[in-house]
């Protein structure tokens, strides 16, 4: 979701919140947003295929005045063995809590639709449901979240992070500003999705395995244990000019508790996410 779908969706949501913070009009009004994002490295909690895929995602969303919203993203990937191609879709529905200078958050339900034998690690997932919250103050923001991930089995996940938003207004009285939002996040959870992905991984794509060294051994006790899965540092740089927004987000992910016996592959990695879009 940075778990490419969830994290990119959260990235777009942060853009929406930022734009609203610059707008002196009613924040609770219908909003349509369209963005296209590119991520130089595809990963899920630091886990990836061994081909270091990159991804491009057109994302559209619509939010009603009461906070209910729906959004969808198409996923196109490319790597050294696979040309640029469509590989899946994410659809999400949820509710965003009324925002103020102390608290923001949302509850969500996501459906993932991937092509067979998808290269993406998160292709093991079918649904995800959860809640994200942010408690804000002038010094540091505390971000907490919890979710359930549904593959052939069910995983429990949790996130905890801190950030601080710096805003530089470029023109007084106009929604035109630049923001920097350094963020540090820790991800935890069970890893039953690994077993589902391993089954896909062993089939390969075009006869090619898509992970490290696929094995049939499974570490059942390990996948059932709630563990620290990754740390990630990211620093979104966001420019808002009227209805237009652009963002560049350098990130560094550090996966933890990689289950090599289950065919998991991952390493510390720097990558960049870039996005441009409009909000109407």
C-alpha atoms as a PDB file:
ATOM      1  CA  UNK A   1       0.000   0.000   0.000  1.00  0.00           C
ATOM      2  CA  UNK A   2       5.429   1.283   0.773  1.00  0.00           C
ATOM      3  CA  UNK A   3       3.275  -1.636   0.032  1.00  0.00           C
ATOM      4  CA  UNK A   4       3.054  -0.024  -3.345  1.00  0.00           C
ATOM      5  CA  UNK A   5      -0.696   0.494  -3.446  1.00  0.00           C
ATOM      6  CA  UNK A   6      -1.233   1.513   0.174  1.00  0.00           C
ATOM      7  CA  UNK A   7       1.789   3.743   0.390  1.00  0.00           C
ATOM      8  CA  UNK A   8       1.101   5.491  -2.884  1.00  0.00           C
ATOM      9  CA  UNK A   9      -2.539   5.918  -1.908  1.00  0.00           C
ATOM     10  CA  UNK A  10      -1.419   7.361   1.443  1.00  0.00           C
ATOM     11  CA  UNK A  11       0.974   9.590  -0.487  1.00  0.00           C
ATOM     12  CA  UNK A  12      -1.907  10.929  -2.610  1.00  0.00           C
ATOM     13  CA  UNK A  13      -4.082  11.369   0.476  1.00  0.00           C
ATOM     14  CA  UNK A  14      -1.341  13.448   2.073  1.00  0.00           C
ATOM     15  CA  UNK A  15      -1.404  15.680  -1.005  1.00  0.00           C
ATOM     16  CA  UNK A  16      -5.148  16.143  -0.595  1.00  0.00           C
ATOM     17  CA  UNK A  17      -4.736  17.053   3.076  1.00  0.00           C
ATOM     18  CA  UNK A  18      -1.971  19.492   2.201  1.00  0.00           C
ATOM     19  CA  UNK A  19      -4.047  21.219  -0.480  1.00  0.00           C
ATOM     20  CA  UNK A  20      -7.000  21.492   1.914  1.00  0.00           C
ATOM     21  CA  UNK A  21      -4.723  23.038   4.532  1.00  0.00           C
ATOM     22  CA  UNK A  22      -3.918  25.839   2.082  1.00  0.00           C
ATOM     23  CA  UNK A  23      -7.556  26.453   1.102  1.00  0.00           C
ATOM     24  CA  UNK A  24      -9.505  28.921   3.182  1.00  0.00           C
ATOM     25  CA  UNK A  25     -12.842  27.525   1.939  1.00  0.00           C
ATOM     26  CA  UNK A  26     -14.898  24.740   3.551  1.00  0.00           C
ATOM     27  CA  UNK A  27     -12.712  21.643   3.814  1.00  0.00           C
ATOM     28  CA  UNK A  28     -15.693  19.262   3.800  1.00  0.00           C
ATOM     29  CA  UNK A  29     -16.819  19.557   0.210  1.00  0.00           C
ATOM     30  CA  UNK A  30     -16.935  17.141  -2.730  1.00  0.00           C
ATOM     31  CA  UNK A  31     -13.454  16.618  -4.158  1.00  0.00           C
ATOM     32  CA  UNK A  32     -12.298  14.882  -7.337  1.00  0.00           C
ATOM     33  CA  UNK A  33      -8.583  14.171  -7.724  1.00  0.00           C
ATOM     34  CA  UNK A  34      -6.548  12.573 -10.490  1.00  0.00           C
ATOM     35  CA  UNK A  35      -2.836  11.807 -10.236  1.00  0.00           C
ATOM     36  CA  UNK A  36      -0.248   9.784 -12.051  1.00  0.00           C
ATOM     37  CA  UNK A  37       2.618   8.437  -9.978  1.00  0.00           C
ATOM     38  CA  UNK A  38       5.824   6.592 -10.774  1.00  0.00           C
ATOM     39  CA  UNK A  39       7.797   4.558  -8.233  1.00  0.00           C
ATOM     40  CA  UNK A  40      11.349   3.537  -9.108  1.00  0.00           C
ATOM     41  CA  UNK A  41      11.290   0.412  -6.915  1.00  0.00           C
ATOM     42  CA  UNK A  42       8.294  -1.820  -6.214  1.00  0.00           C
ATOM     43  CA  UNK A  43       8.186  -3.379  -2.761  1.00  0.00           C
ATOM     44  CA  UNK A  44       5.782  -4.634  -0.131  1.00  0.00           C
ATOM     45  CA  UNK A  45       7.096  -4.035   3.397  1.00  0.00           C
ATOM     46  CA  UNK A  46      10.565  -4.098   1.858  1.00  0.00           C
ATOM     47  CA  UNK A  47       9.886  -7.425   0.117  1.00  0.00           C
ATOM     48  CA  UNK A  48      10.243  -7.442  -3.660  1.00  0.00           C
ATOM     49  CA  UNK A  49      10.882  -9.579  -6.709  1.00  0.00           C
ATOM     50  CA  UNK A  50      14.545 -10.066  -7.574  1.00  0.00           C
ATOM     51  CA  UNK A  51      14.149  -8.054 -10.809  1.00  0.00           C
ATOM     52  CA  UNK A  52      13.836  -4.674  -9.024  1.00  0.00           C
ATOM     53  CA  UNK A  53      10.628  -3.736 -10.824  1.00  0.00           C
ATOM     54  CA  UNK A  54       9.382  -0.172 -11.135  1.00  0.00           C
ATOM     55  CA  UNK A  55       5.738   0.859 -11.425  1.00  0.00           C
ATOM     56  CA  UNK A  56       3.528   3.575 -12.893  1.00  0.00           C
ATOM     57  CA  UNK A  57       0.059   4.185 -11.430  1.00  0.00           C
ATOM     58  CA  UNK A  58      -2.773   6.390 -12.702  1.00  0.00           C
ATOM     59  CA  UNK A  59      -4.930   7.108  -9.619  1.00  0.00           C
ATOM     60  CA  UNK A  60      -8.386   8.711  -9.444  1.00  0.00           C
ATOM     61  CA  UNK A  61     -10.508   9.433  -6.363  1.00  0.00           C
ATOM     62  CA  UNK A  62     -13.747  11.117  -5.410  1.00  0.00           C
ATOM     63  CA  UNK A  63     -14.810  12.198  -1.928  1.00  0.00           C
ATOM     64  CA  UNK A  64     -18.309  13.263  -0.875  1.00  0.00           C
ATOM     65  CA  UNK A  65     -18.874  16.172   1.486  1.00  0.00           C
ATOM     66  CA  UNK A  66     -19.720  13.727   4.311  1.00  0.00           C
ATOM     67  CA  UNK A  67     -16.256  12.139   4.088  1.00  0.00           C
ATOM     68  CA  UNK A  68     -17.135   8.951   2.184  1.00  0.00           C
ATOM     69  CA  UNK A  69     -14.732   8.309  -0.683  1.00  0.00           C
ATOM     70  CA  UNK A  70     -13.820   5.871  -3.434  1.00  0.00           C
ATOM     71  CA  UNK A  71     -10.601   5.607  -5.403  1.00  0.00           C
ATOM     72  CA  UNK A  72      -8.937   3.324  -7.883  1.00  0.00           C
ATOM     73  CA  UNK A  73      -5.452   2.769  -9.259  1.00  0.00           C
ATOM     74  CA  UNK A  74      -4.206   0.840 -12.273  1.00  0.00           C
ATOM     75  CA  UNK A  75      -0.737  -0.718 -11.927  1.00  0.00           C
ATOM     76  CA  UNK A  76       1.774  -0.904 -14.784  1.00  0.00           C
ATOM     77  CA  UNK A  77       5.169  -2.477 -14.114  1.00  0.00           C
ATOM     78  CA  UNK A  78       8.477  -2.821 -15.930  1.00  0.00           C
ATOM     79  CA  UNK A  79      11.767  -4.581 -15.221  1.00  0.00           C
ATOM     80  CA  UNK A  80      14.708  -6.172 -17.039  1.00  0.00           C
ATOM     81  CA  UNK A  81      12.652  -9.254 -17.995  1.00  0.00           C
ATOM     82  CA  UNK A  82       9.204  -7.696 -18.434  1.00  0.00           C
ATOM     83  CA  UNK A  83       8.319  -4.754 -20.711  1.00  0.00           C
ATOM     84  CA  UNK A  84       5.985  -2.018 -19.514  1.00  0.00           C
ATOM     85  CA  UNK A  85       2.650  -3.764 -18.999  1.00  0.00           C
ATOM     86  CA  UNK A  86      -0.579  -3.689 -17.026  1.00  0.00           C
ATOM     87  CA  UNK A  87      -0.468  -6.029 -14.045  1.00  0.00           C
ATOM     88  CA  UNK A  88      -3.341  -5.153 -11.725  1.00  0.00           C
ATOM     89  CA  UNK A  89      -5.847  -2.764 -10.188  1.00  0.00           C
ATOM     90  CA  UNK A  90      -6.583  -1.556  -6.666  1.00  0.00           C
ATOM     91  CA  UNK A  91     -10.034  -0.284  -5.654  1.00  0.00           C
ATOM     92  CA  UNK A  92     -10.661   1.332  -2.254  1.00  0.00           C
ATOM     93  CA  UNK A  93     -13.712   2.658  -0.433  1.00  0.00           C
ATOM     94  CA  UNK A  94     -13.668   4.335   2.945  1.00  0.00           C
ATOM     95  CA  UNK A  95     -14.462   7.248   5.197  1.00  0.00           C
ATOM     96  CA  UNK A  96     -12.216  10.170   6.128  1.00  0.00           C
ATOM     97  CA  UNK A  97     -12.780  11.661   9.549  1.00  0.00           C
ATOM     98  CA  UNK A  98     -13.395  15.421   9.770  1.00  0.00           C
ATOM     99  CA  UNK A  99      -9.983  17.124   9.792  1.00  0.00           C
ATOM    100  CA  UNK A 100      -8.768  19.673  12.278  1.00  0.00           C
ATOM    101  CA  UNK A 101      -5.390  20.844  13.576  1.00  0.00           C
ATOM    102  CA  UNK A 102      -5.278  18.006  16.137  1.00  0.00           C
ATOM    103  CA  UNK A 103      -6.500  14.852  14.392  1.00  0.00           C
ATOM    104  CA  UNK A 104      -7.066  13.265  11.001  1.00  0.00           C
ATOM    105  CA  UNK A 105      -7.591   9.726   9.772  1.00  0.00           C
ATOM    106  CA  UNK A 106      -9.614   7.273   7.736  1.00  0.00           C
ATOM    107  CA  UNK A 107     -11.073   3.780   7.703  1.00  0.00           C
ATOM    108  CA  UNK A 108     -10.882   1.780   4.475  1.00  0.00           C
ATOM    109  CA  UNK A 109     -11.612  -1.446   2.618  1.00  0.00           C
ATOM    110  CA  UNK A 110      -9.493  -2.292  -0.415  1.00  0.00           C
ATOM    111  CA  UNK A 111      -9.913  -4.889  -3.153  1.00  0.00           C
ATOM    112  CA  UNK A 112      -6.888  -6.009  -5.193  1.00  0.00           C
ATOM    113  CA  UNK A 113      -7.313  -7.453  -8.691  1.00  0.00           C
ATOM    114  CA  UNK A 114      -4.092  -8.831 -10.162  1.00  0.00           C
ATOM    115  CA  UNK A 115      -3.310 -10.739 -13.319  1.00  0.00           C
ATOM    116  CA  UNK A 116      -2.377 -14.397 -12.842  1.00  0.00           C
ATOM    117  CA  UNK A 117       1.261 -14.949 -11.899  1.00  0.00           C
ATOM    118  CA  UNK A 118       1.723 -11.282 -11.140  1.00  0.00           C
ATOM    119  CA  UNK A 119       5.291 -10.233 -10.431  1.00  0.00           C
ATOM    120  CA  UNK A 120       4.185  -8.090  -7.469  1.00  0.00           C
ATOM    121  CA  UNK A 121       4.709  -9.540  -4.004  1.00  0.00           C
ATOM    122  CA  UNK A 122       1.397  -8.027  -2.881  1.00  0.00           C
ATOM    123  CA  UNK A 123      -0.384 -10.035  -5.586  1.00  0.00           C
ATOM    124  CA  UNK A 124      -0.907 -12.552  -2.775  1.00  0.00           C
ATOM    125  CA  UNK A 125      -3.455 -10.152  -1.256  1.00  0.00           C
ATOM    126  CA  UNK A 126      -7.148 -10.139  -2.164  1.00  0.00           C
ATOM    127  CA  UNK A 127      -8.584  -7.655   0.350  1.00  0.00           C
ATOM    128  CA  UNK A 128      -7.344  -5.302   3.034  1.00  0.00           C
ATOM    129  CA  UNK A 129      -9.278  -3.435   5.720  1.00  0.00           C
ATOM    130  CA  UNK A 130      -7.964  -1.031   8.319  1.00  0.00           C
ATOM    131  CA  UNK A 131      -7.784   2.338  10.002  1.00  0.00           C
ATOM    132  CA  UNK A 132      -5.174   5.128   9.856  1.00  0.00           C
ATOM    133  CA  UNK A 133      -4.916   7.939  12.408  1.00  0.00           C
ATOM    134  CA  UNK A 134      -2.705  10.984  12.875  1.00  0.00           C
ATOM    135  CA  UNK A 135      -2.445  12.996  16.099  1.00  0.00           C
ATOM    136  CA  UNK A 136      -0.948  16.391  15.325  1.00  0.00           C
ATOM    137  CA  UNK A 137       0.802  19.083  17.320  1.00  0.00           C
ATOM    138  CA  UNK A 138       3.312  21.841  16.629  1.00  0.00           C
ATOM    139  CA  UNK A 139       6.326  19.689  17.506  1.00  0.00           C
ATOM    140  CA  UNK A 140       5.704  16.255  15.969  1.00  0.00           C
ATOM    141  CA  UNK A 141       2.800  14.252  14.557  1.00  0.00           C
ATOM    142  CA  UNK A 142       2.103  10.699  15.778  1.00  0.00           C
ATOM    143  CA  UNK A 143       0.735   8.321  13.131  1.00  0.00           C
ATOM    144  CA  UNK A 144      -0.841   4.988  14.084  1.00  0.00           C
ATOM    145  CA  UNK A 145      -2.616   2.377  11.983  1.00  0.00           C
ATOM    146  CA  UNK A 146      -3.928  -1.187  12.081  1.00  0.00           C
ATOM    147  CA  UNK A 147      -5.146  -3.494   9.331  1.00  0.00           C
ATOM    148  CA  UNK A 148      -6.148  -6.993   8.285  1.00  0.00           C
ATOM    149  CA  UNK A 149      -4.737  -8.406   5.044  1.00  0.00           C
ATOM    150  CA  UNK A 150      -6.633 -11.236   3.368  1.00  0.00           C
ATOM    151  CA  UNK A 151      -4.875 -13.679   1.042  1.00  0.00           C
ATOM    152  CA  UNK A 152      -5.492 -17.437   1.275  1.00  0.00           C
ATOM    153  CA  UNK A 153      -5.005 -16.713   4.983  1.00  0.00           C
ATOM    154  CA  UNK A 154      -5.382 -13.603   7.151  1.00  0.00           C
ATOM    155  CA  UNK A 155      -2.553 -11.372   8.347  1.00  0.00           C
ATOM    156  CA  UNK A 156      -2.653  -8.764  11.108  1.00  0.00           C
ATOM    157  CA  UNK A 157      -0.681  -5.568  10.566  1.00  0.00           C
ATOM    158  CA  UNK A 158       0.165  -2.388  12.458  1.00  0.00           C
ATOM    159  CA  UNK A 159       2.060   0.821  11.710  1.00  0.00           C
ATOM    160  CA  UNK A 160       3.560   3.509  13.921  1.00  0.00           C
ATOM    161  CA  UNK A 161       5.320   6.618  12.738  1.00  0.00           C
ATOM    162  CA  UNK A 162       6.245  10.239  13.285  1.00  0.00           C
ATOM    163  CA  UNK A 163       6.404  13.207  10.941  1.00  0.00           C
ATOM    164  CA  UNK A 164       6.519  16.980  10.874  1.00  0.00           C
ATOM    165  CA  UNK A 165       5.049  19.120   8.088  1.00  0.00           C
ATOM    166  CA  UNK A 166       6.918  22.274   7.070  1.00  0.00           C
ATOM    167  CA  UNK A 167       4.853  24.664   4.896  1.00  0.00           C
ATOM    168  CA  UNK A 168       6.255  27.591   2.919  1.00  0.00           C
ATOM    169  CA  UNK A 169       3.556  29.859   1.472  1.00  0.00           C
ATOM    170  CA  UNK A 170       4.582  31.193  -1.927  1.00  0.00           C
ATOM    171  CA  UNK A 171       1.797  33.743  -2.332  1.00  0.00           C
ATOM    172  CA  UNK A 172      -0.314  35.157   0.479  1.00  0.00           C
ATOM    173  CA  UNK A 173      -4.037  34.460   0.219  1.00  0.00           C
ATOM    174  CA  UNK A 174      -3.642  31.956  -2.631  1.00  0.00           C
ATOM    175  CA  UNK A 175      -3.494  28.128  -2.544  1.00  0.00           C
ATOM    176  CA  UNK A 176       0.125  28.240  -3.678  1.00  0.00           C
ATOM    177  CA  UNK A 177       2.738  26.716  -1.396  1.00  0.00           C
ATOM    178  CA  UNK A 178       5.608  24.279  -0.976  1.00  0.00           C
ATOM    179  CA  UNK A 179       5.779  21.622   1.746  1.00  0.00           C
ATOM    180  CA  UNK A 180       8.376  19.215   3.152  1.00  0.00           C
ATOM    181  CA  UNK A 181       7.165  16.342   5.307  1.00  0.00           C
ATOM    182  CA  UNK A 182       9.963  14.109   6.699  1.00  0.00           C
ATOM    183  CA  UNK A 183       8.411  10.869   7.965  1.00  0.00           C
ATOM    184  CA  UNK A 184       9.702   7.800   9.791  1.00  0.00           C
ATOM    185  CA  UNK A 185       7.469   4.705   9.914  1.00  0.00           C
ATOM    186  CA  UNK A 186       7.741   1.201  11.412  1.00  0.00           C
ATOM    187  CA  UNK A 187       5.626  -1.671  10.077  1.00  0.00           C
ATOM    188  CA  UNK A 188       4.760  -4.835  11.957  1.00  0.00           C
ATOM    189  CA  UNK A 189       2.571  -7.872  11.380  1.00  0.00           C
ATOM    190  CA  UNK A 190       2.288 -11.547  10.593  1.00  0.00           C
ATOM    191  CA  UNK A 191       3.555 -12.926   7.277  1.00  0.00           C
ATOM    192  CA  UNK A 192       1.074 -15.554   6.118  1.00  0.00           C
ATOM    193  CA  UNK A 193       0.915 -13.747   2.755  1.00  0.00           C
ATOM    194  CA  UNK A 194       4.420 -15.144   2.139  1.00  0.00           C
ATOM    195  CA  UNK A 195       3.088 -18.684   1.720  1.00  0.00           C
ATOM    196  CA  UNK A 196       0.476 -17.549  -0.802  1.00  0.00           C
ATOM    197  CA  UNK A 197       3.041 -15.572  -2.764  1.00  0.00           C
ATOM    198  CA  UNK A 198       5.455 -18.515  -2.706  1.00  0.00           C
ATOM    199  CA  UNK A 199       2.909 -20.613  -4.586  1.00  0.00           C
ATOM    200  CA  UNK A 200       2.695 -17.926  -7.279  1.00  0.00           C
ATOM    201  CA  UNK A 201       6.467 -17.511  -7.251  1.00  0.00           C
ATOM    202  CA  UNK A 202       7.165 -21.171  -7.953  1.00  0.00           C
ATOM    203  CA  UNK A 203       5.082 -21.021 -11.137  1.00  0.00           C
ATOM    204  CA  UNK A 204       7.203 -18.120 -12.402  1.00  0.00           C
ATOM    205  CA  UNK A 205       6.462 -15.837 -15.340  1.00  0.00           C
ATOM    206  CA  UNK A 206       7.298 -17.115 -18.793  1.00  0.00           C
ATOM    207  CA  UNK A 207       9.309 -19.901 -17.174  1.00  0.00           C
ATOM    208  CA  UNK A 208      11.376 -17.455 -15.112  1.00  0.00           C
ATOM    209  CA  UNK A 209      11.266 -17.486 -11.292  1.00  0.00           C
ATOM    210  CA  UNK A 210      10.500 -14.029  -9.935  1.00  0.00           C
ATOM    211  CA  UNK A 211      12.018 -14.180  -6.486  1.00  0.00           C
ATOM    212  CA  UNK A 212      15.343 -15.024  -4.895  1.00  0.00           C
ATOM    213  CA  UNK A 213      15.777 -18.832  -4.578  1.00  0.00           C
ATOM    214  CA  UNK A 214      12.298 -20.435  -4.369  1.00  0.00           C
ATOM    215  CA  UNK A 215      12.143 -23.314  -1.920  1.00  0.00           C
ATOM    216  CA  UNK A 216       9.366 -25.597  -0.766  1.00  0.00           C
ATOM    217  CA  UNK A 217      10.235 -25.266   2.906  1.00  0.00           C
ATOM    218  CA  UNK A 218       7.792 -23.173   4.936  1.00  0.00           C
ATOM    219  CA  UNK A 219       8.442 -21.658   8.335  1.00  0.00           C
ATOM    220  CA  UNK A 220       4.887 -21.911   9.673  1.00  0.00           C
ATOM    221  CA  UNK A 221       5.696 -20.655  13.151  1.00  0.00           C
ATOM    222  CA  UNK A 222       7.523 -17.641  11.722  1.00  0.00           C
ATOM    223  CA  UNK A 223       4.713 -16.550   9.396  1.00  0.00           C
ATOM    224  CA  UNK A 224       2.208 -16.784  12.267  1.00  0.00           C
ATOM    225  CA  UNK A 225       4.318 -14.624  14.591  1.00  0.00           C
ATOM    226  CA  UNK A 226       3.707 -10.889  14.851  1.00  0.00           C
ATOM    227  CA  UNK A 227       7.092  -9.358  13.992  1.00  0.00           C
ATOM    228  CA  UNK A 228       8.724  -6.103  12.996  1.00  0.00           C
ATOM    229  CA  UNK A 229       8.638  -6.149   9.177  1.00  0.00           C
ATOM    230  CA  UNK A 230      10.237  -2.888   8.012  1.00  0.00           C
ATOM    231  CA  UNK A 231      11.418   0.613   8.815  1.00  0.00           C
ATOM    232  CA  UNK A 232      11.008   3.335   6.232  1.00  0.00           C
ATOM    233  CA  UNK A 233      12.150   6.922   6.031  1.00  0.00           C
ATOM    234  CA  UNK A 234      10.554   9.173   3.426  1.00  0.00           C
ATOM    235  CA  UNK A 235      10.597  12.905   2.767  1.00  0.00           C
ATOM    236  CA  UNK A 236       7.803  14.096   0.446  1.00  0.00           C
ATOM    237  CA  UNK A 237       8.438  17.436  -1.280  1.00  0.00           C
ATOM    238  CA  UNK A 238       5.082  18.860  -2.397  1.00  0.00           C
ATOM    239  CA  UNK A 239       4.276  21.855  -4.589  1.00  0.00           C
ATOM    240  CA  UNK A 240       0.684  23.145  -4.802  1.00  0.00           C
ATOM    241  CA  UNK A 241      -0.312  25.784  -7.354  1.00  0.00           C
ATOM    242  CA  UNK A 242      -4.076  26.302  -7.464  1.00  0.00           C
ATOM    243  CA  UNK A 243      -5.672  23.011  -8.478  1.00  0.00           C
ATOM    244  CA  UNK A 244      -2.346  21.519  -9.603  1.00  0.00           C
ATOM    245  CA  UNK A 245       0.020  19.538  -7.378  1.00  0.00           C
ATOM    246  CA  UNK A 246       3.390  17.907  -7.949  1.00  0.00           C
ATOM    247  CA  UNK A 247       5.445  15.850  -5.540  1.00  0.00           C
ATOM    248  CA  UNK A 248       8.797  14.118  -5.278  1.00  0.00           C
ATOM    249  CA  UNK A 249       9.314  11.673  -2.429  1.00  0.00           C
ATOM    250  CA  UNK A 250      12.753  10.106  -1.840  1.00  0.00           C
ATOM    251  CA  UNK A 251      12.522   7.086   0.468  1.00  0.00           C
ATOM    252  CA  UNK A 252      14.753   4.511   2.140  1.00  0.00           C
ATOM    253  CA  UNK A 253      13.230   1.175   3.198  1.00  0.00           C
ATOM    254  CA  UNK A 254      14.881  -1.317   5.582  1.00  0.00           C
ATOM    255  CA  UNK A 255      13.083  -4.707   5.629  1.00  0.00           C
ATOM    256  CA  UNK A 256      13.289  -6.761   8.809  1.00  0.00           C
ATOM    257  CA  UNK A 257      12.813 -10.492   9.520  1.00  0.00           C
ATOM    258  CA  UNK A 258      13.096 -11.616   5.897  1.00  0.00           C
ATOM    259  CA  UNK A 259      12.026 -15.285   5.679  1.00  0.00           C
ATOM    260  CA  UNK A 260      14.527 -16.599   3.143  1.00  0.00           C
ATOM    261  CA  UNK A 261      13.326 -20.169   3.767  1.00  0.00           C
ATOM    262  CA  UNK A 262       9.932 -19.065   2.464  1.00  0.00           C
ATOM    263  CA  UNK A 263      11.427 -17.517  -0.656  1.00  0.00           C
ATOM    264  CA  UNK A 264      11.212 -13.906   0.555  1.00  0.00           C
ATOM    265  CA  UNK A 265      13.606 -11.480  -1.066  1.00  0.00           C
ATOM    266  CA  UNK A 266      14.417  -7.956   0.099  1.00  0.00           C
ATOM    267  CA  UNK A 267      17.220  -5.598   1.058  1.00  0.00           C
ATOM    268  CA  UNK A 268      17.770  -2.038   2.236  1.00  0.00           C
ATOM    269  CA  UNK A 269      16.942   0.167  -0.711  1.00  0.00           C
ATOM    270  CA  UNK A 270      16.679   3.828  -1.696  1.00  0.00           C
ATOM    271  CA  UNK A 271      13.950   4.707  -4.198  1.00  0.00           C
ATOM    272  CA  UNK A 272      11.935   7.673  -5.419  1.00  0.00           C
ATOM    273  CA  UNK A 273       8.225   8.281  -5.976  1.00  0.00           C
ATOM    274  CA  UNK A 274       7.133  11.127  -8.278  1.00  0.00           C
ATOM    275  CA  UNK A 275       3.555  12.334  -8.767  1.00  0.00           C
ATOM    276  CA  UNK A 276       1.644  15.031 -10.632  1.00  0.00           C
ATOM    277  CA  UNK A 277      -2.073  15.668 -10.512  1.00  0.00           C
ATOM    278  CA  UNK A 278      -5.079  17.924 -10.154  1.00  0.00           C
ATOM    279  CA  UNK A 279      -7.734  18.414  -7.475  1.00  0.00           C
ATOM    280  CA  UNK A 280     -11.146  19.758  -8.479  1.00  0.00           C
END
